[in-house]
Amino acid sequence: MEIGIGNGLIALAAGLGAGLVTMGAASGIGRITAAAAEATGRQPEAANDIRTTALIMSALIEGVALFCAVTCFLLSGSVAG
């Protein structure tokens, strides 16, 4: 079975895409956590609301990241099979 240059580029793009998705999600969740820690330090009485909002936002980022990573893996699987 021969893999052409087009299929090789698709596989490379899928691998790079999965890596970029992971780094983007980690950066976004890190920023949310930093902002939540700063907000909790400024207003300790609102810690529960801040924590809840930060968890919901982190879950939404993880959901989008998972969807993108699965798309990349499906794309790379279509090249191999």
C-alpha atoms as a PDB file:
ATOM      1  CA  MET A   1       0.000   0.000   0.000  1.00  0.00           C
ATOM      2  CA  GLU A   2       1.496   3.299  -1.072  1.00  0.00           C
ATOM      3  CA  ILE A   3       0.905   6.536   0.797  1.00  0.00           C
ATOM      4  CA  GLY A   4       1.113   9.595  -1.443  1.00  0.00           C
ATOM      5  CA  ILE A   5       2.326  13.062  -0.565  1.00  0.00           C
ATOM      6  CA  GLY A   6      -1.252  14.256  -0.032  1.00  0.00           C
ATOM      7  CA  ASN A   7      -1.989  11.545   2.512  1.00  0.00           C
ATOM      8  CA  GLY A   8       1.299  12.238   4.259  1.00  0.00           C
ATOM      9  CA  LEU A   9       0.422  15.909   4.576  1.00  0.00           C
ATOM     10  CA  ILE A  10      -3.001  15.023   5.946  1.00  0.00           C
ATOM     11  CA  ALA A  11      -1.415  12.773   8.577  1.00  0.00           C
ATOM     12  CA  LEU A  12       1.100  15.495   9.476  1.00  0.00           C
ATOM     13  CA  ALA A  13      -1.637  18.105   9.784  1.00  0.00           C
ATOM     14  CA  ALA A  14      -3.719  15.785  11.968  1.00  0.00           C
ATOM     15  CA  GLY A  15      -0.789  15.211  14.324  1.00  0.00           C
ATOM     16  CA  LEU A  16       0.038  18.899  14.525  1.00  0.00           C
ATOM     17  CA  GLY A  17      -3.625  19.747  15.009  1.00  0.00           C
ATOM     18  CA  ALA A  18      -3.953  17.366  17.946  1.00  0.00           C
ATOM     19  CA  GLY A  19      -0.878  18.899  19.557  1.00  0.00           C
ATOM     20  CA  LEU A  20      -2.113  22.454  19.034  1.00  0.00           C
ATOM     21  CA  VAL A  21      -5.510  21.564  20.479  1.00  0.00           C
ATOM     22  CA  THR A  22      -3.848  20.197  23.613  1.00  0.00           C
ATOM     23  CA  MET A  23      -1.635  23.260  24.061  1.00  0.00           C
ATOM     24  CA  GLY A  24      -4.531  25.652  23.441  1.00  0.00           C
ATOM     25  CA  ALA A  25      -6.784  23.925  25.944  1.00  0.00           C
ATOM     26  CA  ALA A  26      -4.032  23.868  28.560  1.00  0.00           C
ATOM     27  CA  SER A  27      -3.354  27.564  28.022  1.00  0.00           C
ATOM     28  CA  GLY A  28      -7.037  28.456  28.284  1.00  0.00           C
ATOM     29  CA  ILE A  29      -7.614  26.460  31.436  1.00  0.00           C
ATOM     30  CA  GLY A  30      -4.448  27.915  32.952  1.00  0.00           C
ATOM     31  CA  ARG A  31      -5.673  31.440  32.295  1.00  0.00           C
ATOM     32  CA  ILE A  32      -9.078  30.650  33.791  1.00  0.00           C
ATOM     33  CA  THR A  33      -7.436  29.199  36.893  1.00  0.00           C
ATOM     34  CA  ALA A  34      -5.135  32.197  37.289  1.00  0.00           C
ATOM     35  CA  ALA A  35      -8.038  34.617  36.931  1.00  0.00           C
ATOM     36  CA  ALA A  36     -10.151  32.624  39.404  1.00  0.00           C
ATOM     37  CA  ALA A  37      -7.322  32.567  41.960  1.00  0.00           C
ATOM     38  CA  GLU A  38      -6.837  36.321  41.596  1.00  0.00           C
ATOM     39  CA  ALA A  39     -10.568  36.981  41.874  1.00  0.00           C
ATOM     40  CA  THR A  40     -10.804  34.792  44.970  1.00  0.00           C
ATOM     41  CA  GLY A  41      -7.943  36.721  46.519  1.00  0.00           C
ATOM     42  CA  ARG A  42      -9.710  40.003  45.850  1.00  0.00           C
ATOM     43  CA  GLN A  43     -13.144  38.845  47.042  1.00  0.00           C
ATOM     44  CA  PRO A  44     -12.905  35.777  49.290  1.00  0.00           C
ATOM     45  CA  GLU A  45     -16.636  35.902  50.046  1.00  0.00           C
ATOM     46  CA  ALA A  46     -17.405  35.117  46.391  1.00  0.00           C
ATOM     47  CA  ALA A  47     -15.119  32.062  46.262  1.00  0.00           C
ATOM     48  CA  ASN A  48     -17.930  29.537  45.705  1.00  0.00           C
ATOM     49  CA  ASP A  49     -19.418  31.453  42.769  1.00  0.00           C
ATOM     50  CA  ILE A  50     -15.998  32.010  41.222  1.00  0.00           C
ATOM     51  CA  ARG A  51     -15.088  28.328  41.595  1.00  0.00           C
ATOM     52  CA  THR A  52     -18.357  27.209  40.013  1.00  0.00           C
ATOM     53  CA  THR A  53     -17.952  29.551  37.060  1.00  0.00           C
ATOM     54  CA  ALA A  54     -14.317  28.499  36.550  1.00  0.00           C
ATOM     55  CA  LEU A  55     -15.249  24.797  36.583  1.00  0.00           C
ATOM     56  CA  ILE A  56     -18.030  25.302  34.045  1.00  0.00           C
ATOM     57  CA  MET A  57     -15.750  27.288  31.748  1.00  0.00           C
ATOM     58  CA  SER A  58     -12.995  24.666  32.068  1.00  0.00           C
ATOM     59  CA  ALA A  59     -15.458  21.893  31.224  1.00  0.00           C
ATOM     60  CA  LEU A  60     -16.590  23.753  28.106  1.00  0.00           C
ATOM     61  CA  ILE A  61     -12.993  24.210  26.959  1.00  0.00           C
ATOM     62  CA  GLU A  62     -12.277  20.520  27.562  1.00  0.00           C
ATOM     63  CA  GLY A  63     -15.365  19.565  25.543  1.00  0.00           C
ATOM     64  CA  VAL A  64     -14.291  21.619  22.545  1.00  0.00           C
ATOM     65  CA  ALA A  65     -10.709  20.335  22.843  1.00  0.00           C
ATOM     66  CA  LEU A  66     -11.903  16.736  22.968  1.00  0.00           C
ATOM     67  CA  PHE A  67     -14.080  17.254  19.897  1.00  0.00           C
ATOM     68  CA  CYS A  68     -11.147  18.764  17.981  1.00  0.00           C
ATOM     69  CA  ALA A  69      -8.720  16.039  19.078  1.00  0.00           C
ATOM     70  CA  VAL A  70     -11.152  13.288  18.046  1.00  0.00           C
ATOM     71  CA  THR A  71     -11.573  14.999  14.675  1.00  0.00           C
ATOM     72  CA  CYS A  72      -7.783  15.034  14.215  1.00  0.00           C
ATOM     73  CA  PHE A  73      -7.482  11.364  15.159  1.00  0.00           C
ATOM     74  CA  LEU A  74     -10.308  10.391  12.804  1.00  0.00           C
ATOM     75  CA  LEU A  75      -8.621  12.330  10.026  1.00  0.00           C
ATOM     76  CA  SER A  76      -5.315  10.550  10.620  1.00  0.00           C
ATOM     77  CA  GLY A  77      -7.125   7.197  10.791  1.00  0.00           C
ATOM     78  CA  SER A  78      -8.728   7.776   7.402  1.00  0.00           C
ATOM     79  CA  VAL A  79      -5.258   8.132   5.892  1.00  0.00           C
ATOM     80  CA  ALA A  80      -3.970   4.850   7.315  1.00  0.00           C
ATOM     81  CA  GLY A  81      -7.055   2.814   6.491  1.00  0.00           C
END
